[in-house]
C-alpha atoms as a PDB file:
ATOM      1  CA  MET A   1     -10.362   0.255 -18.869  1.00  0.00           C
ATOM      2  CA  VAL A   2      -7.494   2.770 -18.228  1.00  0.00           C
ATOM      3  CA  ALA A   3      -7.751   1.561 -13.886  1.00  0.00           C
ATOM      4  CA  PHE A   4      -7.657  -2.104 -14.726  1.00  0.00           C
ATOM      5  CA  ARG A   5      -4.710  -1.712 -17.345  1.00  0.00           C
ATOM      6  CA  PHE A   6      -2.509  -0.251 -14.779  1.00  0.00           C
ATOM      7  CA  ILE A   7      -3.468  -2.607 -12.163  1.00  0.00           C
ATOM      8  CA  ILE A   8      -2.033  -4.960 -14.506  1.00  0.00           C
ATOM      9  CA  VAL A   9       0.880  -3.221 -15.491  1.00  0.00           C
ATOM     10  CA  VAL A  10       1.701  -2.816 -11.279  1.00  0.00           C
ATOM     11  CA  LEU A  11       0.975  -6.376 -10.659  1.00  0.00           C
ATOM     12  CA  LEU A  12       3.003  -7.862 -14.016  1.00  0.00           C
ATOM     13  CA  ALA A  13       5.781  -5.076 -13.162  1.00  0.00           C
ATOM     14  CA  ALA A  14       6.085  -6.217  -9.668  1.00  0.00           C
ATOM     15  CA  LEU A  15       6.604  -9.927 -11.037  1.00  0.00           C
ATOM     16  CA  ALA A  16       9.274  -8.956 -13.284  1.00  0.00           C
ATOM     17  CA  GLY A  17      11.565  -7.617 -10.885  1.00  0.00           C
ATOM     18  CA  ALA A  18      11.655 -10.856  -9.637  1.00  0.00           C
ATOM     19  CA  SER A  19      15.572 -12.132 -10.495  1.00  0.00           C
ATOM     20  CA  THR A  20      16.371 -15.519 -11.261  1.00  0.00           C
ATOM     21  CA  ALA A  21      20.051 -15.038 -10.516  1.00  0.00           C
ATOM     22  CA  GLN A  22      20.612 -16.479  -6.754  1.00  0.00           C
ATOM     23  CA  ARG A  23      24.220 -16.189  -5.253  1.00  0.00           C
ATOM     24  CA  LEU A  24      23.942 -19.696  -4.181  1.00  0.00           C
ATOM     25  CA  THR A  25      23.119 -22.927  -6.003  1.00  0.00           C
ATOM     26  CA  TYR A  26      19.999 -23.116  -4.808  1.00  0.00           C
ATOM     27  CA  ARG A  27      17.244 -21.465  -7.156  1.00  0.00           C
ATOM     28  CA  ALA A  28      14.338 -20.295  -5.186  1.00  0.00           C
ATOM     29  CA  PRO A  29      10.474 -20.833  -6.799  1.00  0.00           C
ATOM     30  CA  GLN A  30       9.758 -18.713  -9.718  1.00  0.00           C
ATOM     31  CA  HIS A  31       7.462 -16.635 -10.805  1.00  0.00           C
ATOM     32  CA  THR A  32       6.374 -17.448 -14.204  1.00  0.00           C
ATOM     33  CA  ARG A  33       2.506 -17.097 -14.341  1.00  0.00           C
ATOM     34  CA  ALA A  34       0.427 -13.681 -14.054  1.00  0.00           C
ATOM     35  CA  PRO A  35      -1.795 -13.983 -11.480  1.00  0.00           C
ATOM     36  CA  LEU A  36      -4.905 -12.723 -13.068  1.00  0.00           C
ATOM     37  CA  PRO A  37      -8.415 -13.765 -13.212  1.00  0.00           C
ATOM     38  CA  VAL A  38      -9.661 -14.315 -16.697  1.00  0.00           C
ATOM     39  CA  GLY A  39     -12.277 -11.815 -17.179  1.00  0.00           C
ATOM     40  CA  ALA A  40     -11.559 -10.206 -13.764  1.00  0.00           C
ATOM     41  CA  THR A  41     -12.771  -6.035 -13.845  1.00  0.00           C
ATOM     42  CA  PRO A  42     -11.225  -3.550 -11.889  1.00  0.00           C
ATOM     43  CA  GLU A  43     -14.215  -3.664  -9.542  1.00  0.00           C
ATOM     44  CA  ASP A  44     -13.236  -7.271  -9.215  1.00  0.00           C
ATOM     45  CA  PHE A  45     -10.123  -6.547  -8.550  1.00  0.00           C
ATOM     46  CA  VAL A  46     -11.088  -4.054  -5.270  1.00  0.00           C
ATOM     47  CA  ALA A  47     -13.659  -6.584  -4.447  1.00  0.00           C
ATOM     48  CA  PHE A  48     -11.101  -9.782  -4.438  1.00  0.00           C
ATOM     49  CA  ALA A  49      -9.063  -7.344  -2.078  1.00  0.00           C
ATOM     50  CA  ASN A  50     -11.034  -6.384   0.220  1.00  0.00           C
ATOM     51  CA  GLY A  51     -12.156  -9.628   0.727  1.00  0.00           C
ATOM     52  CA  GLY A  52      -8.689 -10.799   1.525  1.00  0.00           C
ATOM     53  CA  MET A  53      -8.373 -12.711  -2.451  1.00  0.00           C
ATOM     54  CA  GLN A  54      -6.465 -15.885  -1.954  1.00  0.00           C
ATOM     55  CA  ILE A  55      -6.193 -18.359  -4.750  1.00  0.00           C
ATOM     56  CA  GLU A  56      -4.315 -21.263  -4.482  1.00  0.00           C
ATOM     57  CA  ARG A  57      -3.330 -24.385  -7.263  1.00  0.00           C
ATOM     58  CA  ASP A  58      -1.203 -27.141  -7.728  1.00  0.00           C
ATOM     59  CA  ARG A  59      -0.003 -27.947  -4.483  1.00  0.00           C
ATOM     60  CA  ALA A  60       1.167 -31.463  -3.337  1.00  0.00           C
ATOM     61  CA  PRO A  61      -1.048 -33.101  -1.083  1.00  0.00           C
ATOM     62  CA  ASP A  62       2.238 -33.976   0.811  1.00  0.00           C
ATOM     63  CA  ASP A  63       3.363 -30.484   0.787  1.00  0.00           C
ATOM     64  CA  GLN A  64       0.242 -29.179   2.310  1.00  0.00           C
ATOM     65  CA  LEU A  65       0.318 -31.490   5.241  1.00  0.00           C
ATOM     66  CA  ALA A  66       3.542 -30.435   5.940  1.00  0.00           C
ATOM     67  CA  GLU A  67       2.879 -26.779   5.684  1.00  0.00           C
ATOM     68  CA  HIS A  68      -0.383 -27.265   7.821  1.00  0.00           C
ATOM     69  CA  ARG A  69       2.024 -28.729  10.253  1.00  0.00           C
ATOM     70  CA  ARG A  70       4.509 -26.048  10.371  1.00  0.00           C
ATOM     71  CA  LEU A  71       1.623 -23.423  10.717  1.00  0.00           C
ATOM     72  CA  VAL A  72       0.134 -25.365  13.962  1.00  0.00           C
ATOM     73  CA  SER A  73       3.911 -25.617  15.431  1.00  0.00           C
ATOM     74  CA  ALA A  74       4.299 -21.761  15.056  1.00  0.00           C
ATOM     75  CA  LEU A  75       0.671 -20.713  16.530  1.00  0.00           C
ATOM     76  CA  ASP A  76       1.174 -23.778  19.346  1.00  0.00           C
ATOM     77  CA  GLY A  77       4.448 -21.793  20.364  1.00  0.00           C
ATOM     78  CA  LEU A  78       3.368 -18.438  21.262  1.00  0.00           C
ATOM     79  CA  LEU A  79       3.321 -17.751  24.874  1.00  0.00           C
ATOM     80  CA  PRO A  80      -0.010 -16.410  26.534  1.00  0.00           C
ATOM     81  CA  GLN A  81       0.651 -12.758  27.866  1.00  0.00           C
ATOM     82  CA  ARG A  82       1.686 -11.674  31.508  1.00  0.00           C
ATOM     83  CA  LYS A  83      -0.910 -10.004  33.512  1.00  0.00           C
ATOM     84  CA  GLY A  84       0.560  -6.491  34.069  1.00  0.00           C
ATOM     85  CA  VAL A  85       2.813  -6.367  31.618  1.00  0.00           C
ATOM     86  CA  VAL A  86       2.380  -4.712  28.086  1.00  0.00           C
ATOM     87  CA  ASP A  87       3.275  -7.549  26.042  1.00  0.00           C
ATOM     88  CA  ALA A  88       4.102  -7.093  22.562  1.00  0.00           C
ATOM     89  CA  TYR A  89       3.072  -9.862  19.990  1.00  0.00           C
ATOM     90  CA  VAL A  90       5.169  -9.432  16.468  1.00  0.00           C
ATOM     91  CA  VAL A  91       3.767 -10.719  13.808  1.00  0.00           C
ATOM     92  CA  SER A  92       6.394 -10.597  10.132  1.00  0.00           C
ATOM     93  CA  ILE A  93       5.345 -11.533   7.215  1.00  0.00           C
ATOM     94  CA  ALA A  94       6.502 -11.953   3.804  1.00  0.00           C
ATOM     95  CA  LEU A  95       3.619 -12.352   1.511  1.00  0.00           C
ATOM     96  CA  ASP A  96       5.907 -12.414  -1.524  1.00  0.00           C
ATOM     97  CA  SER A  97       8.100 -15.416  -2.513  1.00  0.00           C
ATOM     98  CA  ASP A  98      10.825 -13.487  -3.577  1.00  0.00           C
ATOM     99  CA  PRO A  99      13.947 -14.096  -1.600  1.00  0.00           C
ATOM    100  CA  VAL A 100      14.515 -10.448  -0.775  1.00  0.00           C
ATOM    101  CA  PHE A 101      11.217 -10.504   1.318  1.00  0.00           C
ATOM    102  CA  GLY A 102      11.873 -14.206   2.929  1.00  0.00           C
ATOM    103  CA  ARG A 103      15.290 -12.120   4.394  1.00  0.00           C
ATOM    104  CA  GLU A 104      14.018  -9.232   5.270  1.00  0.00           C
ATOM    105  CA  ALA A 105      11.219 -10.769   6.951  1.00  0.00           C
ATOM    106  CA  ARG A 106      13.194 -13.294   9.056  1.00  0.00           C
ATOM    107  CA  GLU A 107      15.498 -10.439  10.081  1.00  0.00           C
ATOM    108  CA  ALA A 108      12.622  -8.289  10.939  1.00  0.00           C
ATOM    109  CA  GLY A 109      11.331 -11.173  13.304  1.00  0.00           C
ATOM    110  CA  LYS A 110      14.438 -11.148  15.106  1.00  0.00           C
ATOM    111  CA  VAL A 111      15.192  -7.437  15.183  1.00  0.00           C
ATOM    112  CA  LEU A 112      11.269  -6.514  16.632  1.00  0.00           C
ATOM    113  CA  ALA A 113      11.173  -9.266  19.142  1.00  0.00           C
ATOM    114  CA  ARG A 114      14.724  -8.474  20.690  1.00  0.00           C
ATOM    115  CA  ARG A 115      13.745  -4.769  20.448  1.00  0.00           C
ATOM    116  CA  TYR A 116       9.960  -5.519  22.129  1.00  0.00           C
ATOM    117  CA  ASP A 117      10.678  -8.211  24.502  1.00  0.00           C
ATOM    118  CA  ALA A 118       8.763 -10.314  22.234  1.00  0.00           C
ATOM    119  CA  VAL A 119      10.906 -13.593  21.987  1.00  0.00           C
ATOM    120  CA  GLY A 120       8.158 -16.276  22.200  1.00  0.00           C
ATOM    121  CA  ARG A 121       5.729 -13.914  20.909  1.00  0.00           C
ATOM    122  CA  THR A 122       6.673 -13.923  17.622  1.00  0.00           C
ATOM    123  CA  ILE A 123       5.833 -15.743  14.820  1.00  0.00           C
ATOM    124  CA  VAL A 124       7.382 -15.063  11.149  1.00  0.00           C
ATOM    125  CA  PHE A 125       5.705 -16.250   7.771  1.00  0.00           C
ATOM    126  CA  ALA A 126       8.491 -16.306   4.914  1.00  0.00           C
ATOM    127  CA  GLY A 127       9.413 -18.387   1.856  1.00  0.00           C
ATOM    128  CA  SER A 128      13.006 -19.195   1.034  1.00  0.00           C
ATOM    129  CA  ASP A 129      15.675 -16.460   1.589  1.00  0.00           C
ATOM    130  CA  GLY A 130      17.404 -17.852  -1.495  1.00  0.00           C
ATOM    131  CA  THR A 131      19.965 -20.481   0.470  1.00  0.00           C
ATOM    132  CA  GLY A 132      17.502 -23.142   0.299  1.00  0.00           C
ATOM    133  CA  PRO A 133      13.237 -24.248   0.799  1.00  0.00           C
ATOM    134  CA  SER A 134      11.502 -22.507   3.635  1.00  0.00           C
ATOM    135  CA  ASP A 135      11.202 -24.066   7.201  1.00  0.00           C
ATOM    136  CA  LEU A 136       8.674 -21.342   8.180  1.00  0.00           C
ATOM    137  CA  PRO A 137       5.116 -21.087   7.410  1.00  0.00           C
ATOM    138  CA  ARG A 138       4.510 -19.530   4.190  1.00  0.00           C
ATOM    139  CA  GLY A 139       3.089 -15.914   4.232  1.00  0.00           C
ATOM    140  CA  SER A 140      -0.334 -15.616   2.904  1.00  0.00           C
ATOM    141  CA  PRO A 141      -3.665 -13.864   3.725  1.00  0.00           C
ATOM    142  CA  ASP A 142      -5.299 -17.116   5.367  1.00  0.00           C
ATOM    143  CA  HIS A 143      -1.973 -17.429   7.229  1.00  0.00           C
ATOM    144  CA  LEU A 144      -2.025 -13.842   8.508  1.00  0.00           C
ATOM    145  CA  SER A 145      -5.987 -14.075   9.611  1.00  0.00           C
ATOM    146  CA  LEU A 146      -4.973 -17.286  11.554  1.00  0.00           C
ATOM    147  CA  ALA A 147      -2.076 -15.596  13.177  1.00  0.00           C
ATOM    148  CA  VAL A 148      -3.730 -12.646  14.385  1.00  0.00           C
ATOM    149  CA  ALA A 149      -6.542 -14.532  15.301  1.00  0.00           C
ATOM    150  CA  ARG A 150      -4.486 -16.971  17.692  1.00  0.00           C
ATOM    151  CA  ILE A 151      -2.526 -14.059  19.266  1.00  0.00           C
ATOM    152  CA  ALA A 152      -6.317 -12.165  19.701  1.00  0.00           C
ATOM    153  CA  GLU A 153      -6.864 -15.615  22.043  1.00  0.00           C
ATOM    154  CA  LEU A 154      -3.626 -15.196  23.950  1.00  0.00           C
ATOM    155  CA  MET A 155      -3.726 -11.405  24.792  1.00  0.00           C
ATOM    156  CA  ASP A 156      -5.297  -9.086  26.972  1.00  0.00           C
ATOM    157  CA  ARG A 157      -6.156  -6.870  24.399  1.00  0.00           C
ATOM    158  CA  SER A 158      -6.857  -3.984  26.885  1.00  0.00           C
ATOM    159  CA  GLU A 159      -3.222  -4.284  27.741  1.00  0.00           C
ATOM    160  CA  ASP A 160      -1.184  -5.972  25.109  1.00  0.00           C
ATOM    161  CA  VAL A 161      -0.213  -4.907  21.789  1.00  0.00           C
ATOM    162  CA  LEU A 162       0.333  -6.154  18.182  1.00  0.00           C
ATOM    163  CA  VAL A 163       3.501  -5.293  16.235  1.00  0.00           C
ATOM    164  CA  LEU A 164       2.630  -6.342  12.383  1.00  0.00           C
ATOM    165  CA  TYR A 165       5.557  -5.885  10.137  1.00  0.00           C
ATOM    166  CA  THR A 166       4.604  -6.600   6.410  1.00  0.00           C
ATOM    167  CA  THR A 167       6.776  -7.329   3.318  1.00  0.00           C
ATOM    168  CA  SER A 168       6.024  -7.469  -0.268  1.00  0.00           C
ATOM    169  CA  HIS A 169       5.073  -6.331  -3.863  1.00  0.00           C
ATOM    170  CA  GLY A 170       2.246  -3.293  -3.609  1.00  0.00           C
ATOM    171  CA  ALA A 171      -0.250  -1.819  -5.959  1.00  0.00           C
ATOM    172  CA  PRO A 172      -2.979   0.770  -5.349  1.00  0.00           C
ATOM    173  CA  ILE A 173      -5.479  -2.131  -4.221  1.00  0.00           C
ATOM    174  CA  GLY A 174      -3.311  -3.178  -1.424  1.00  0.00           C
ATOM    175  CA  ILE A 175      -0.425  -5.759  -0.812  1.00  0.00           C
ATOM    176  CA  ILE A 176       0.375  -8.763  -2.886  1.00  0.00           C
ATOM    177  CA  TYR A 177       0.414 -12.002  -1.837  1.00  0.00           C
ATOM    178  CA  ASN A 178       2.332 -14.370  -4.548  1.00  0.00           C
ATOM    179  CA  ASP A 179       3.728 -17.260  -3.518  1.00  0.00           C
ATOM    180  CA  ALA A 180       5.650 -18.590  -6.756  1.00  0.00           C
ATOM    181  CA  ASP A 181       2.913 -19.890  -9.244  1.00  0.00           C
ATOM    182  CA  GLN A 182       1.268 -21.491  -6.780  1.00  0.00           C
ATOM    183  CA  GLY A 183      -0.615 -18.964  -4.513  1.00  0.00           C
ATOM    184  CA  TYR A 184      -1.860 -15.717  -5.533  1.00  0.00           C
ATOM    185  CA  GLY A 185      -3.801 -12.838  -3.985  1.00  0.00           C
ATOM    186  CA  ALA A 186      -4.262  -9.135  -2.480  1.00  0.00           C
ATOM    187  CA  ILE A 187      -4.947  -7.947   1.106  1.00  0.00           C
ATOM    188  CA  SER A 188      -6.610  -4.407   0.856  1.00  0.00           C
ATOM    189  CA  PRO A 189      -6.347  -1.640   3.757  1.00  0.00           C
ATOM    190  CA  ASN A 190     -10.233  -2.279   4.564  1.00  0.00           C
ATOM    191  CA  ARG A 191      -9.606  -5.785   4.800  1.00  0.00           C
ATOM    192  CA  LEU A 192      -6.539  -5.475   6.926  1.00  0.00           C
ATOM    193  CA  ALA A 193      -8.550  -2.885   9.065  1.00  0.00           C
ATOM    194  CA  ALA A 194     -11.604  -5.547   8.837  1.00  0.00           C
ATOM    195  CA  VAL A 195      -9.523  -8.513  10.375  1.00  0.00           C
ATOM    196  CA  LEU A 196      -8.060  -6.448  13.437  1.00  0.00           C
ATOM    197  CA  GLY A 197     -11.552  -4.861  13.885  1.00  0.00           C
ATOM    198  CA  ALA A 198     -13.318  -8.030  14.079  1.00  0.00           C
ATOM    199  CA  LEU A 199     -10.617  -9.525  16.356  1.00  0.00           C
ATOM    200  CA  GLY A 200     -10.762  -6.217  18.783  1.00  0.00           C
ATOM    201  CA  ILE A 201      -7.210  -5.353  18.390  1.00  0.00           C
ATOM    202  CA  ASP A 202      -6.931  -1.869  18.692  1.00  0.00           C
ATOM    203  CA  ARG A 203      -3.317  -1.460  20.115  1.00  0.00           C
ATOM    204  CA  ARG A 204      -1.384  -2.167  17.060  1.00  0.00           C
ATOM    205  CA  LEU A 205       1.785  -1.104  15.447  1.00  0.00           C
ATOM    206  CA  VAL A 206       1.330  -1.704  11.747  1.00  0.00           C
ATOM    207  CA  ILE A 207       4.430  -1.537   9.444  1.00  0.00           C
ATOM    208  CA  VAL A 208       3.911  -1.794   5.775  1.00  0.00           C
ATOM    209  CA  SER A 209       6.909  -2.073   3.637  1.00  0.00           C
ATOM    210  CA  ALA A 210       5.573  -2.446   0.022  1.00  0.00           C
ATOM    211  CA  CYS A 211       4.656  -0.002  -2.999  1.00  0.00           C
ATOM    212  CA  TYR A 212       1.313   2.526  -2.099  1.00  0.00           C
ATOM    213  CA  SER A 213       1.590   1.354   1.179  1.00  0.00           C
ATOM    214  CA  GLY A 214       0.412   4.849   2.342  1.00  0.00           C
ATOM    215  CA  ASN A 215      -3.066   3.617   1.292  1.00  0.00           C
ATOM    216  CA  PHE A 216      -3.381   1.973   4.544  1.00  0.00           C
ATOM    217  CA  VAL A 217      -3.183   4.922   6.795  1.00  0.00           C
ATOM    218  CA  PRO A 218      -6.610   5.989   6.653  1.00  0.00           C
ATOM    219  CA  ALA A 219      -8.184   2.779   6.524  1.00  0.00           C
ATOM    220  CA  LEU A 220      -6.171   1.459   9.931  1.00  0.00           C
ATOM    221  CA  ALA A 221      -5.919   4.773  11.757  1.00  0.00           C
ATOM    222  CA  ASN A 222      -7.590   5.435  15.095  1.00  0.00           C
ATOM    223  CA  ALA A 223      -6.158   6.551  18.760  1.00  0.00           C
ATOM    224  CA  ASP A 224      -4.694   3.344  19.366  1.00  0.00           C
ATOM    225  CA  THR A 225      -2.796   2.865  16.347  1.00  0.00           C
ATOM    226  CA  ALA A 226       0.570   3.590  15.057  1.00  0.00           C
ATOM    227  CA  ILE A 227       1.249   3.196  11.685  1.00  0.00           C
ATOM    228  CA  LEU A 228       4.569   3.379   9.502  1.00  0.00           C
ATOM    229  CA  THR A 229       4.592   2.503   5.651  1.00  0.00           C
ATOM    230  CA  ALA A 230       7.325   2.892   3.012  1.00  0.00           C
ATOM    231  CA  SER A 231       5.623   5.633   0.452  1.00  0.00           C
ATOM    232  CA  SER A 232       2.673   7.267   0.337  1.00  0.00           C
ATOM    233  CA  GLY A 233      -0.234   5.614  -1.372  1.00  0.00           C
ATOM    234  CA  ASP A 234       0.613   6.959  -4.753  1.00  0.00           C
ATOM    235  CA  ARG A 235       4.188   6.320  -4.724  1.00  0.00           C
ATOM    236  CA  THR A 236       6.188   3.405  -5.278  1.00  0.00           C
ATOM    237  CA  SER A 237       8.880   2.325  -3.052  1.00  0.00           C
ATOM    238  CA  PHE A 238      12.355   0.543  -3.731  1.00  0.00           C
ATOM    239  CA  GLY A 239      14.900  -2.076  -3.178  1.00  0.00           C
ATOM    240  CA  CYS A 240      12.430  -5.154  -4.464  1.00  0.00           C
ATOM    241  CA  GLN A 241      14.975  -6.714  -6.582  1.00  0.00           C
ATOM    242  CA  SER A 242      15.203 -10.711  -5.785  1.00  0.00           C
ATOM    243  CA  ASP A 243      18.825 -10.467  -4.782  1.00  0.00           C
ATOM    244  CA  ASN A 244      18.656  -7.787  -2.552  1.00  0.00           C
ATOM    245  CA  ASP A 245      18.729  -8.811   1.178  1.00  0.00           C
ATOM    246  CA  TRP A 246      16.798  -5.522   2.170  1.00  0.00           C
ATOM    247  CA  THR A 247      14.176  -3.465   0.539  1.00  0.00           C
ATOM    248  CA  PHE A 248      14.865   0.690   1.204  1.00  0.00           C
ATOM    249  CA  TYR A 249      12.671   0.806   4.018  1.00  0.00           C
ATOM    250  CA  GLY A 250      12.903  -2.350   5.685  1.00  0.00           C
ATOM    251  CA  ASP A 251      16.905  -1.505   5.626  1.00  0.00           C
ATOM    252  CA  ALA A 252      16.175   1.920   6.559  1.00  0.00           C
ATOM    253  CA  LEU A 253      13.749   1.035   9.653  1.00  0.00           C
ATOM    254  CA  ILE A 254      14.467  -2.268  10.776  1.00  0.00           C
ATOM    255  CA  ASN A 255      18.289  -2.520   9.693  1.00  0.00           C
ATOM    256  CA  HIS A 256      19.409   0.218  10.758  1.00  0.00           C
ATOM    257  CA  ALA A 257      16.800   2.579  12.989  1.00  0.00           C
ATOM    258  CA  LEU A 258      15.440   0.110  15.359  1.00  0.00           C
ATOM    259  CA  ARG A 259      18.026  -1.486  16.313  1.00  0.00           C
ATOM    260  CA  LYS A 260      18.488   1.517  18.363  1.00  0.00           C
ATOM    261  CA  ALA A 261      17.761   2.280  21.597  1.00  0.00           C
ATOM    262  CA  GLN A 262      15.588   5.279  20.514  1.00  0.00           C
ATOM    263  CA  SER A 263      11.852   5.906  20.717  1.00  0.00           C
ATOM    264  CA  ILE A 264       9.416   4.958  17.617  1.00  0.00           C
ATOM    265  CA  SER A 265       9.097   8.219  16.182  1.00  0.00           C
ATOM    266  CA  ALA A 266      12.672   9.056  16.355  1.00  0.00           C
ATOM    267  CA  ALA A 267      13.640   5.562  14.289  1.00  0.00           C
ATOM    268  CA  SER A 268      10.687   6.769  11.823  1.00  0.00           C
ATOM    269  CA  SER A 269      12.323  10.235  11.399  1.00  0.00           C
ATOM    270  CA  GLU A 270      15.760   8.497  10.719  1.00  0.00           C
ATOM    271  CA  ALA A 271      14.255   6.112   8.143  1.00  0.00           C
ATOM    272  CA  LEU A 272      12.794   8.674   6.715  1.00  0.00           C
ATOM    273  CA  THR A 273      16.162  10.666   6.318  1.00  0.00           C
ATOM    274  CA  LEU A 274      17.899   7.245   5.077  1.00  0.00           C
ATOM    275  CA  VAL A 275      15.643   6.534   2.871  1.00  0.00           C
ATOM    276  CA  ASN A 276      15.356   9.981   1.266  1.00  0.00           C
ATOM    277  CA  ARG A 277      19.514  10.416   1.162  1.00  0.00           C
ATOM    278  CA  TRP A 278      19.338   6.919  -0.872  1.00  0.00           C
ATOM    279  CA  GLU A 279      16.654   7.733  -3.271  1.00  0.00           C
ATOM    280  CA  SER A 280      18.252  11.482  -4.010  1.00  0.00           C
ATOM    281  CA  ASN A 281      21.654   9.577  -4.648  1.00  0.00           C
ATOM    282  CA  ALA A 282      20.217   7.330  -7.356  1.00  0.00           C
ATOM    283  CA  GLN A 283      18.008  10.050  -9.028  1.00  0.00           C
ATOM    284  CA  LEU A 284      14.815   8.294  -7.977  1.00  0.00           C
ATOM    285  CA  LYS A 285      11.526   9.601  -7.566  1.00  0.00           C
ATOM    286  CA  PRO A 286      10.943  10.133  -3.652  1.00  0.00           C
ATOM    287  CA  SER A 287       8.790   7.280  -2.318  1.00  0.00           C
ATOM    288  CA  TYR A 288       7.330   9.316   0.597  1.00  0.00           C
ATOM    289  CA  PRO A 289       7.238   7.279   4.032  1.00  0.00           C
ATOM    290  CA  GLN A 290       3.975   7.557   5.824  1.00  0.00           C
ATOM    291  CA  THR A 291       3.985   7.429   9.503  1.00  0.00           C
ATOM    292  CA  MET A 292       0.838   8.285  12.079  1.00  0.00           C
ATOM    293  CA  ILE A 293       0.927   7.651  15.547  1.00  0.00           C
ATOM    294  CA  GLY A 294      -2.775   7.736  17.566  1.00  0.00           C
ATOM    295  CA  ALA A 295      -2.792   9.774  20.651  1.00  0.00           C
ATOM    296  CA  ASN A 296      -3.302   7.212  22.783  1.00  0.00           C
ATOM    297  CA  ALA A 297      -0.554   5.068  21.224  1.00  0.00           C
ATOM    298  CA  THR A 298       1.716   7.390  22.224  1.00  0.00           C
ATOM    299  CA  ARG A 299       1.431   6.025  25.388  1.00  0.00           C
ATOM    300  CA  TRP A 300       1.775   2.342  25.223  1.00  0.00           C
ATOM    301  CA  LEU A 301       4.397   2.911  22.779  1.00  0.00           C
ATOM    302  CA  GLU A 302       6.418   4.854  25.484  1.00  0.00           C
ATOM    303  CA  ILE A 303       6.089   1.567  27.531  1.00  0.00           C
ATOM    304  CA  ILE A 304       7.227  -0.629  24.987  1.00  0.00           C
ATOM    305  CA  ASP A 305       9.895   1.412  23.802  1.00  0.00           C
ATOM    306  CA  ARG A 306      11.632   1.867  27.278  1.00  0.00           C
ATOM    307  CA  ARG A 307      11.944  -2.091  27.270  1.00  0.00           C
ATOM    308  CA  ALA A 308      14.324  -1.690  24.064  1.00  0.00           C
ATOM    309  CA  PRO A 309      17.868  -3.043  24.942  1.00  0.00           C
ATOM    310  CA  LYS A 310      20.052  -0.481  25.872  1.00  0.00           C
ATOM    311  CA  THR A 311      22.649  -1.633  23.399  1.00  0.00           C
ATOM    312  CA  SER A 312      22.538  -1.470  19.428  1.00  0.00           C
ATOM    313  CA  THR A 313      23.379  -4.078  17.313  1.00  0.00           C
ATOM    314  CA  GLU A 314      24.819  -3.947  13.838  1.00  0.00           C
ATOM    315  CA  PRO A 315      22.981  -3.737  10.558  1.00  0.00           C
ATOM    316  CA  VAL A 316      23.368  -7.089   8.877  1.00  0.00           C
ATOM    317  CA  GLY A 317      23.561  -8.261   5.293  1.00  0.00           C
ATOM    318  CA  ARG A 318      23.987  -6.098   2.129  1.00  0.00           C
ATOM    319  CA  PRO A 319      22.729  -2.653   1.999  1.00  0.00           C
ATOM    320  CA  ALA A 320      19.706  -1.974   0.351  1.00  0.00           C
ATOM    321  CA  THR A 321      21.211   0.241  -2.398  1.00  0.00           C
ATOM    322  CA  THR A 322      23.806  -2.322  -3.620  1.00  0.00           C
ATOM    323  CA  LEU A 323      22.547  -3.250  -6.667  1.00  0.00           C
ATOM    324  CA  LEU A 324      21.660   0.089  -7.740  1.00  0.00           C
ATOM    325  CA  GLU A 325      25.321   1.177  -6.863  1.00  0.00           C
ATOM    326  CA  ALA A 326      26.689  -1.647  -8.956  1.00  0.00           C
ATOM    327  CA  LYS A 327      25.215  -0.169 -12.275  1.00  0.00           C
END
């Protein structure tokens, strides 16, 4: 029962981080009920996450239809690959409806699309950015599976690359899906590996911004994969307060390092330095971001990194440390 209580504590703590204060008059959907199936055991939670658990409730039919149309439009809008070109297909997904993740996923989609020449081959899933209802398909386990399945149809899997950016709350079982009080679930490292493996997507750059995200490294590692995570498998990461514009790792990696014309290895090192500095200044327990780049991945990463624009763009939004510094 100790492990079960630990999972409950982690999930409830994640939900408690959702602030009800918004900078504008719009009030984003709130988390008010814990997404815990009655009578579930620790083994049940592992099985749920390994199966890409998703529970939906209280969805209005007209909202479901509008969501279906948003999803179909996003999937149909993806461009086919270009023969002889190592095309990158970008998926940026916020799996929690707290606005910090919606803001981060939107900007990550822009930065990654620009960096990897993926305009027209990028799809963003996210809830509200805090200013109004989202006009994007929501981030959920099912939507992620559908997106990568569509990309697998369009890409040349021996030539092209998937760039996947996920941002949400995390737990030892995986990355958590929580859309206000309507959607709940989790994606475990084994589940994500199984989905990508079934589709034959081996050439992939996977970035996981969440607590305990280092658990994704051993599950996804292969010679053709590059994976970057916000923390080690036994550590939390920081900056996920609802009022933030960025998590620590998203700010460091996306908003700073990947805006520059440098390799993914150099960007990872810069992000690690920034996160370490911010955590040290705030006297936080180190999160220990992880980087694993497979031997074959170094070759295709060099190709797509060379396409990065030579001019950098400026960071946007408030620094991830703003709320900590205000205390």
